Amino acid sequence: MSDRSTGAYAGDHLKSAVSRNEAKMQCPGGSPRPLNVVVVGAGIGGLAAAISLRRNGHRITIFEASQSKSEIGAGITVQRNAVRVLKHLGYSKENLKAIDFNGAELYDAKTGTRTTAPWLIAKSEDEDIFCHRNDLHEELARRQVLEPACAL
């Protein structure tokens, strides 16, 4: 799926998702009239959108201009509302190599003493996590490839 004139392409791992997911199956809450949807950009948002749309019975094609995603030093926090979305998308916390992020560590510049400051909101089932951006991207790409195509 390469278009040399615009430089757009769908990565190999995403191209194979279309061919592997051609099996017809019924999807709960699927659209009565599936759409052919193009997602431009296979970043975190694009992959999450593609997974959700595919789950609702739509046919997805993803285009990405970058040959590879290689972020250096891009640690991110994923807040609990986003963790709920990731759970819905079927993510694996182990694949993210995530750690819980339930507050802040404050350091005094003069003395070097550390103080732990937990979040002032009630604990819940879904806690904030800290992970590497590339691990989150790879996990969403894995979910996109594993997500079955839905045809009604």
N, C-alpha and C. Protein backbone atom coordinates (compact mmCIF):
# COMPACT_ATOMS: atom_id res chain seq x y z
N MET A 1 0.84 -1.17 0.00
CA MET A 1 0.00 0.00 0.00
C MET A 1 0.88 1.23 0.00
N SER A 2 1.62 1.41 -1.02
CA SER A 2 2.57 2.51 -1.05
C SER A 2 2.15 3.49 -2.13
N ASP A 3 2.26 4.75 -1.80
CA ASP A 3 1.98 5.79 -2.76
C ASP A 3 3.21 6.68 -2.80
N ARG A 4 4.07 6.46 -3.77
CA ARG A 4 5.34 7.17 -3.84
C ARG A 4 5.15 8.67 -4.04
N SER A 5 4.06 9.08 -4.69
CA SER A 5 3.86 10.50 -4.96
C SER A 5 3.61 11.29 -3.68
N THR A 6 2.97 10.69 -2.68
CA THR A 6 2.69 11.40 -1.43
C THR A 6 3.59 10.94 -0.31
N GLY A 7 4.31 9.85 -0.49
CA GLY A 7 5.18 9.33 0.54
C GLY A 7 4.45 8.53 1.60
N ALA A 8 3.15 8.29 1.41
CA ALA A 8 2.38 7.55 2.42
C ALA A 8 2.54 6.06 2.19
N TYR A 9 2.55 5.33 3.27
CA TYR A 9 2.60 3.87 3.18
C TYR A 9 1.98 3.30 4.44
N ALA A 10 1.57 2.09 4.35
CA ALA A 10 1.11 1.37 5.55
C ALA A 10 2.22 0.40 5.90
N GLY A 11 2.72 0.45 7.14
CA GLY A 11 3.82 -0.40 7.57
C GLY A 11 3.52 -1.87 7.38
N ASP A 12 4.58 -2.67 7.23
CA ASP A 12 4.41 -4.10 7.00
C ASP A 12 3.56 -4.77 8.07
N HIS A 13 3.78 -4.43 9.34
CA HIS A 13 3.01 -5.06 10.41
C HIS A 13 1.55 -4.67 10.33
N LEU A 14 1.25 -3.52 9.77
CA LEU A 14 -0.15 -3.10 9.64
C LEU A 14 -0.77 -3.66 8.37
N LYS A 15 0.04 -3.78 7.30
CA LYS A 15 -0.48 -4.36 6.06
C LYS A 15 -0.95 -5.78 6.27
N SER A 16 -0.15 -6.53 7.04
CA SER A 16 -0.49 -7.93 7.25
C SER A 16 -1.76 -8.08 8.07
N ALA A 17 -2.10 -7.06 8.85
CA ALA A 17 -3.32 -7.12 9.67
C ALA A 17 -4.56 -7.23 8.79
N VAL A 18 -4.56 -6.52 7.68
CA VAL A 18 -5.72 -6.55 6.79
C VAL A 18 -5.91 -7.93 6.21
N SER A 19 -4.84 -8.55 5.72
CA SER A 19 -4.98 -9.87 5.10
C SER A 19 -5.31 -10.95 6.13
N ARG A 20 -4.76 -10.85 7.35
CA ARG A 20 -5.03 -11.86 8.37
C ARG A 20 -6.42 -11.72 8.97
N ASN A 21 -7.01 -10.56 8.86
CA ASN A 21 -8.28 -10.32 9.52
C ASN A 21 -9.46 -10.30 8.56
N GLU A 22 -9.34 -10.99 7.47
CA GLU A 22 -10.43 -11.02 6.50
C GLU A 22 -11.55 -11.97 6.89
N ALA A 23 -11.33 -12.78 7.92
CA ALA A 23 -12.36 -13.73 8.35
C ALA A 23 -13.61 -12.97 8.76
N LYS A 24 -14.75 -13.46 8.36
CA LYS A 24 -16.01 -12.80 8.69
C LYS A 24 -16.50 -13.30 10.04
N MET A 25 -16.90 -12.35 10.88
CA MET A 25 -17.46 -12.69 12.17
C MET A 25 -18.40 -11.59 12.61
N GLN A 26 -19.29 -11.92 13.50
CA GLN A 26 -20.26 -10.98 14.02
C GLN A 26 -19.62 -10.18 15.15
N CYS A 27 -19.73 -8.88 15.15
CA CYS A 27 -19.19 -8.06 16.22
C CYS A 27 -20.32 -7.44 17.01
N PRO A 28 -20.25 -7.52 18.34
CA PRO A 28 -21.29 -6.90 19.14
C PRO A 28 -21.28 -5.39 18.92
N GLY A 29 -22.44 -4.82 18.76
CA GLY A 29 -22.55 -3.38 18.57
C GLY A 29 -22.03 -2.92 17.23
N GLY A 30 -21.85 -3.86 16.31
CA GLY A 30 -21.30 -3.51 15.00
C GLY A 30 -22.22 -2.62 14.20
N SER A 31 -21.65 -1.91 13.30
CA SER A 31 -22.41 -1.01 12.45
C SER A 31 -23.25 -1.82 11.47
N PRO A 32 -24.53 -1.45 11.27
CA PRO A 32 -25.34 -2.18 10.30
C PRO A 32 -24.83 -1.98 8.87
N ARG A 33 -24.05 -0.93 8.66
CA ARG A 33 -23.51 -0.64 7.33
C ARG A 33 -22.03 -0.27 7.50
N PRO A 34 -21.14 -1.25 7.41
CA PRO A 34 -19.72 -0.98 7.63
C PRO A 34 -19.18 0.06 6.65
N LEU A 35 -18.30 0.89 7.15
CA LEU A 35 -17.67 1.93 6.35
C LEU A 35 -16.23 1.52 6.01
N ASN A 36 -15.73 2.02 4.91
CA ASN A 36 -14.31 1.90 4.59
C ASN A 36 -13.67 3.16 5.16
N VAL A 37 -12.85 3.00 6.21
CA VAL A 37 -12.28 4.14 6.90
C VAL A 37 -10.77 4.16 6.69
N VAL A 38 -10.25 5.34 6.38
CA VAL A 38 -8.81 5.53 6.25
C VAL A 38 -8.35 6.31 7.48
N VAL A 39 -7.36 5.76 8.18
CA VAL A 39 -6.75 6.44 9.32
C VAL A 39 -5.38 6.91 8.85
N VAL A 40 -5.16 8.22 8.91
CA VAL A 40 -3.89 8.79 8.49
C VAL A 40 -3.05 9.01 9.74
N GLY A 41 -2.00 8.23 9.86
CA GLY A 41 -1.11 8.31 11.01
C GLY A 41 -1.28 7.11 11.90
N ALA A 42 -0.21 6.34 12.05
CA ALA A 42 -0.24 5.15 12.89
C ALA A 42 0.45 5.43 14.22
N GLY A 43 0.16 6.59 14.78
CA GLY A 43 0.66 6.92 16.11
C GLY A 43 -0.28 6.33 17.15
N ILE A 44 -0.13 6.76 18.38
CA ILE A 44 -0.95 6.24 19.47
C ILE A 44 -2.43 6.50 19.21
N GLY A 45 -2.78 7.71 18.83
CA GLY A 45 -4.18 8.05 18.57
C GLY A 45 -4.75 7.33 17.36
N GLY A 46 -3.98 7.25 16.28
CA GLY A 46 -4.44 6.59 15.07
C GLY A 46 -4.69 5.10 15.28
N LEU A 47 -3.77 4.44 15.99
CA LEU A 47 -3.95 3.01 16.24
C LEU A 47 -5.14 2.76 17.17
N ALA A 48 -5.30 3.60 18.20
CA ALA A 48 -6.44 3.44 19.11
C ALA A 48 -7.75 3.64 18.36
N ALA A 49 -7.80 4.63 17.48
CA ALA A 49 -9.01 4.86 16.68
C ALA A 49 -9.27 3.68 15.76
N ALA A 50 -8.23 3.15 15.12
CA ALA A 50 -8.39 2.02 14.20
C ALA A 50 -8.92 0.78 14.93
N ILE A 51 -8.40 0.51 16.12
CA ILE A 51 -8.88 -0.64 16.89
C ILE A 51 -10.35 -0.48 17.21
N SER A 52 -10.74 0.70 17.68
CA SER A 52 -12.14 0.95 18.04
C SER A 52 -13.07 0.85 16.84
N LEU A 53 -12.67 1.43 15.73
CA LEU A 53 -13.49 1.39 14.52
C LEU A 53 -13.63 -0.04 14.00
N ARG A 54 -12.53 -0.79 14.03
CA ARG A 54 -12.57 -2.18 13.56
C ARG A 54 -13.51 -3.01 14.43
N ARG A 55 -13.46 -2.77 15.74
CA ARG A 55 -14.35 -3.49 16.66
C ARG A 55 -15.82 -3.21 16.37
N ASN A 56 -16.09 -2.08 15.78
CA ASN A 56 -17.47 -1.72 15.46
C ASN A 56 -17.85 -2.09 14.04
N GLY A 57 -17.05 -2.94 13.42
CA GLY A 57 -17.42 -3.52 12.14
C GLY A 57 -16.96 -2.80 10.90
N HIS A 58 -16.13 -1.78 11.06
CA HIS A 58 -15.69 -1.01 9.89
C HIS A 58 -14.39 -1.58 9.33
N ARG A 59 -14.17 -1.37 8.04
CA ARG A 59 -12.94 -1.81 7.38
C ARG A 59 -11.94 -0.66 7.44
N ILE A 60 -10.76 -0.96 7.95
CA ILE A 60 -9.78 0.08 8.25
C ILE A 60 -8.54 -0.08 7.38
N THR A 61 -8.05 1.05 6.85
CA THR A 61 -6.75 1.11 6.19
C THR A 61 -5.97 2.20 6.90
N ILE A 62 -4.75 1.88 7.31
CA ILE A 62 -3.91 2.83 8.03
C ILE A 62 -2.75 3.25 7.14
N PHE A 63 -2.51 4.55 7.07
CA PHE A 63 -1.38 5.09 6.33
C PHE A 63 -0.45 5.80 7.30
N GLU A 64 0.84 5.54 7.16
CA GLU A 64 1.85 6.15 8.01
C GLU A 64 3.04 6.55 7.15
N ALA A 65 3.51 7.77 7.29
CA ALA A 65 4.61 8.27 6.48
C ALA A 65 5.97 7.83 7.01
N SER A 66 6.07 7.57 8.31
CA SER A 66 7.34 7.21 8.92
C SER A 66 7.64 5.73 8.71
N GLN A 67 8.89 5.42 8.39
CA GLN A 67 9.30 4.03 8.22
C GLN A 67 9.37 3.30 9.55
N SER A 68 9.72 4.01 10.63
CA SER A 68 9.83 3.37 11.93
C SER A 68 9.54 4.38 13.03
N LYS A 69 9.14 3.85 14.16
CA LYS A 69 8.90 4.67 15.34
C LYS A 69 10.04 4.39 16.31
N SER A 70 10.90 5.33 16.51
CA SER A 70 12.00 5.13 17.45
C SER A 70 12.14 6.38 18.30
N GLU A 71 11.55 6.33 19.46
CA GLU A 71 11.60 7.44 20.40
C GLU A 71 12.67 7.12 21.43
N ILE A 72 13.46 8.10 21.78
CA ILE A 72 14.49 7.91 22.79
C ILE A 72 14.11 8.76 24.00
N GLY A 73 14.09 8.12 25.16
CA GLY A 73 13.83 8.85 26.39
C GLY A 73 12.44 9.42 26.51
N ALA A 74 11.47 8.77 25.90
CA ALA A 74 10.11 9.29 25.90
C ALA A 74 9.25 8.54 26.91
N GLY A 75 9.54 8.75 28.19
CA GLY A 75 8.69 8.16 29.22
C GLY A 75 7.43 8.99 29.35
N ILE A 76 6.29 8.34 29.45
CA ILE A 76 5.03 9.07 29.57
C ILE A 76 4.20 8.51 30.72
N THR A 77 3.35 9.36 31.26
CA THR A 77 2.38 8.88 32.24
C THR A 77 1.07 8.69 31.51
N VAL A 78 0.40 7.62 31.86
CA VAL A 78 -0.92 7.33 31.28
C VAL A 78 -1.90 7.45 32.44
N GLN A 79 -2.72 8.48 32.39
CA GLN A 79 -3.66 8.75 33.47
C GLN A 79 -4.77 7.71 33.49
N ARG A 80 -5.43 7.59 34.64
CA ARG A 80 -6.40 6.50 34.85
C ARG A 80 -7.54 6.50 33.84
N ASN A 81 -7.96 7.65 33.33
CA ASN A 81 -9.02 7.63 32.32
C ASN A 81 -8.51 6.99 31.02
N ALA A 82 -7.24 7.23 30.68
CA ALA A 82 -6.65 6.59 29.50
C ALA A 82 -6.40 5.11 29.75
N VAL A 83 -6.07 4.73 31.00
CA VAL A 83 -5.88 3.32 31.34
C VAL A 83 -7.19 2.57 31.14
N ARG A 84 -8.33 3.20 31.48
CA ARG A 84 -9.63 2.56 31.25
C ARG A 84 -9.85 2.30 29.75
N VAL A 85 -9.46 3.25 28.92
CA VAL A 85 -9.60 3.07 27.46
C VAL A 85 -8.68 1.93 27.00
N LEU A 86 -7.45 1.91 27.49
CA LEU A 86 -6.52 0.84 27.11
C LEU A 86 -7.06 -0.53 27.53
N LYS A 87 -7.67 -0.60 28.72
CA LYS A 87 -8.28 -1.87 29.16
C LYS A 87 -9.36 -2.29 28.18
N HIS A 88 -10.18 -1.34 27.77
CA HIS A 88 -11.25 -1.64 26.81
C HIS A 88 -10.67 -2.15 25.49
N LEU A 89 -9.50 -1.62 25.11
CA LEU A 89 -8.85 -2.04 23.87
C LEU A 89 -8.08 -3.35 24.04
N GLY A 90 -8.00 -3.86 25.27
CA GLY A 90 -7.38 -5.16 25.51
C GLY A 90 -5.87 -5.13 25.68
N TYR A 91 -5.33 -4.06 26.22
CA TYR A 91 -3.87 -3.96 26.36
C TYR A 91 -3.34 -4.90 27.43
N SER A 92 -2.04 -5.13 27.39
CA SER A 92 -1.37 -5.94 28.39
C SER A 92 -0.39 -5.04 29.13
N LYS A 93 -0.60 -4.86 30.44
CA LYS A 93 0.30 -4.02 31.24
C LYS A 93 1.72 -4.57 31.21
N GLU A 94 1.84 -5.89 31.14
CA GLU A 94 3.16 -6.52 31.08
C GLU A 94 3.91 -6.12 29.81
N ASN A 95 3.20 -6.06 28.68
CA ASN A 95 3.84 -5.67 27.43
C ASN A 95 4.29 -4.21 27.45
N LEU A 96 3.60 -3.39 28.23
CA LEU A 96 4.00 -1.99 28.35
C LEU A 96 5.21 -1.83 29.27
N LYS A 97 5.48 -2.87 30.07
CA LYS A 97 6.54 -2.77 31.08
C LYS A 97 6.27 -1.57 31.98
N ALA A 98 4.98 -1.38 32.27
CA ALA A 98 4.54 -0.21 33.02
C ALA A 98 4.73 -0.38 34.51
N ILE A 99 4.89 0.74 35.18
CA ILE A 99 4.92 0.76 36.64
C ILE A 99 3.81 1.69 37.10
N ASP A 100 3.32 1.44 38.30
CA ASP A 100 2.28 2.31 38.86
C ASP A 100 2.87 3.68 39.13
N PHE A 101 2.05 4.68 38.91
CA PHE A 101 2.46 6.07 39.11
C PHE A 101 1.38 6.73 39.93
N ASN A 102 1.52 6.65 41.25
CA ASN A 102 0.45 7.09 42.14
C ASN A 102 0.82 8.30 42.97
N GLY A 103 1.63 9.17 42.41
CA GLY A 103 2.00 10.38 43.12
C GLY A 103 3.28 10.95 42.55
N ALA A 104 3.87 11.86 43.31
CA ALA A 104 5.09 12.51 42.86
C ALA A 104 6.17 12.39 43.93
N GLU A 105 7.40 12.37 43.50
CA GLU A 105 8.54 12.39 44.41
C GLU A 105 9.14 13.79 44.33
N LEU A 106 9.18 14.45 45.45
CA LEU A 106 9.72 15.80 45.51
C LEU A 106 11.09 15.77 46.18
N TYR A 107 12.05 16.49 45.62
CA TYR A 107 13.40 16.52 46.17
C TYR A 107 13.76 17.95 46.56
N ASP A 108 14.34 18.10 47.73
CA ASP A 108 14.81 19.40 48.18
C ASP A 108 16.18 19.63 47.55
N ALA A 109 16.35 20.73 46.82
CA ALA A 109 17.59 21.00 46.10
C ALA A 109 18.78 21.22 47.04
N LYS A 110 18.52 21.74 48.24
CA LYS A 110 19.62 22.02 49.16
C LYS A 110 20.05 20.78 49.95
N THR A 111 19.07 20.03 50.45
CA THR A 111 19.40 18.90 51.33
C THR A 111 19.38 17.56 50.61
N GLY A 112 18.69 17.47 49.48
CA GLY A 112 18.60 16.22 48.76
C GLY A 112 17.58 15.26 49.34
N THR A 113 16.81 15.71 50.34
CA THR A 113 15.81 14.83 50.94
C THR A 113 14.62 14.66 50.00
N ARG A 114 14.07 13.46 50.07
CA ARG A 114 12.96 13.11 49.20
C ARG A 114 11.67 13.06 50.02
N THR A 115 10.59 13.60 49.41
CA THR A 115 9.27 13.54 50.03
C THR A 115 8.32 12.94 49.01
N THR A 116 7.53 11.96 49.44
CA THR A 116 6.53 11.35 48.56
C THR A 116 5.22 12.09 48.73
N ALA A 117 4.63 12.51 47.63
CA ALA A 117 3.35 13.22 47.65
C ALA A 117 2.34 12.43 46.81
N PRO A 118 1.50 11.62 47.47
CA PRO A 118 0.50 10.84 46.71
C PRO A 118 -0.58 11.76 46.13
N TRP A 119 -1.23 11.28 45.07
CA TRP A 119 -2.33 12.04 44.48
C TRP A 119 -3.42 12.21 45.53
N LEU A 120 -4.13 13.31 45.46
CA LEU A 120 -5.16 13.61 46.44
C LEU A 120 -6.54 13.12 46.02
N ILE A 121 -6.58 12.18 45.09
CA ILE A 121 -7.86 11.62 44.67
C ILE A 121 -7.96 10.18 45.17
N ALA A 122 -9.18 9.74 45.31
CA ALA A 122 -9.42 8.40 45.85
C ALA A 122 -8.80 7.33 44.95
N LYS A 123 -8.31 6.27 45.58
CA LYS A 123 -7.80 5.12 44.83
C LYS A 123 -8.95 4.48 44.07
N SER A 124 -8.64 3.92 42.93
CA SER A 124 -9.66 3.22 42.15
C SER A 124 -9.03 1.97 41.54
N GLU A 125 -9.85 1.22 40.85
CA GLU A 125 -9.37 0.00 40.19
C GLU A 125 -8.33 0.34 39.13
N ASP A 126 -8.52 1.45 38.46
CA ASP A 126 -7.60 1.89 37.40
C ASP A 126 -6.67 2.95 37.95
N GLU A 127 -5.39 2.62 38.04
CA GLU A 127 -4.41 3.56 38.57
C GLU A 127 -3.57 4.12 37.43
N ASP A 128 -2.99 5.28 37.66
CA ASP A 128 -2.09 5.89 36.69
C ASP A 128 -0.86 4.99 36.53
N ILE A 129 -0.32 4.95 35.32
CA ILE A 129 0.89 4.16 35.07
C ILE A 129 1.92 5.02 34.35
N PHE A 130 3.14 4.57 34.40
CA PHE A 130 4.26 5.22 33.74
C PHE A 130 4.91 4.19 32.83
N CYS A 131 5.12 4.53 31.56
CA CYS A 131 5.73 3.59 30.62
C CYS A 131 6.49 4.36 29.55
N HIS A 132 7.17 3.63 28.71
CA HIS A 132 7.88 4.23 27.58
C HIS A 132 6.89 4.40 26.43
N ARG A 133 6.93 5.53 25.78
CA ARG A 133 6.01 5.82 24.67
C ARG A 133 6.07 4.74 23.59
N ASN A 134 7.26 4.27 23.26
CA ASN A 134 7.41 3.27 22.22
C ASN A 134 6.76 1.94 22.62
N ASP A 135 6.82 1.59 23.92
CA ASP A 135 6.16 0.36 24.39
C ASP A 135 4.64 0.48 24.22
N LEU A 136 4.08 1.66 24.51
CA LEU A 136 2.65 1.87 24.33
C LEU A 136 2.29 1.76 22.85
N HIS A 137 3.09 2.37 21.99
CA HIS A 137 2.84 2.31 20.55
C HIS A 137 2.88 0.87 20.05
N GLU A 138 3.90 0.11 20.47
CA GLU A 138 4.01 -1.29 20.03
C GLU A 138 2.85 -2.13 20.53
N GLU A 139 2.37 -1.86 21.74
CA GLU A 139 1.24 -2.61 22.27
C GLU A 139 -0.03 -2.32 21.47
N LEU A 140 -0.24 -1.06 21.10
CA LEU A 140 -1.41 -0.73 20.28
C LEU A 140 -1.29 -1.34 18.88
N ALA A 141 -0.08 -1.34 18.32
CA ALA A 141 0.14 -1.98 17.01
C ALA A 141 -0.15 -3.48 17.10
N ARG A 142 0.26 -4.10 18.21
CA ARG A 142 -0.02 -5.53 18.42
C ARG A 142 -1.52 -5.76 18.50
N ARG A 143 -2.23 -4.92 19.23
CA ARG A 143 -3.69 -5.06 19.35
C ARG A 143 -4.36 -4.85 18.00
N GLN A 144 -3.86 -3.92 17.20
CA GLN A 144 -4.44 -3.66 15.88
C GLN A 144 -4.31 -4.89 15.00
N VAL A 145 -3.15 -5.54 15.05
CA VAL A 145 -2.92 -6.73 14.22
C VAL A 145 -3.77 -7.89 14.71
N LEU A 146 -3.95 -8.01 16.03
CA LEU A 146 -4.71 -9.13 16.59
C LEU A 146 -6.22 -8.92 16.51
N GLU A 147 -6.65 -7.69 16.37
CA GLU A 147 -8.09 -7.40 16.38
C GLU A 147 -8.74 -8.00 15.14
N PRO A 148 -9.74 -8.85 15.33
CA PRO A 148 -10.37 -9.47 14.16
C PRO A 148 -11.19 -8.47 13.36
N ALA A 149 -11.22 -8.70 12.07
CA ALA A 149 -12.07 -7.87 11.21
C ALA A 149 -13.52 -8.28 11.45
N CYS A 150 -14.41 -7.36 11.36
CA CYS A 150 -15.82 -7.64 11.62
C CYS A 150 -16.62 -7.31 10.36
N ALA A 151 -17.39 -8.23 9.91
CA ALA A 151 -18.25 -7.98 8.76
C ALA A 151 -19.66 -8.41 9.12
N LEU A 152 -20.63 -7.58 8.81
CA LEU A 152 -22.01 -7.89 9.13
C LEU A 152 -22.78 -8.25 7.88
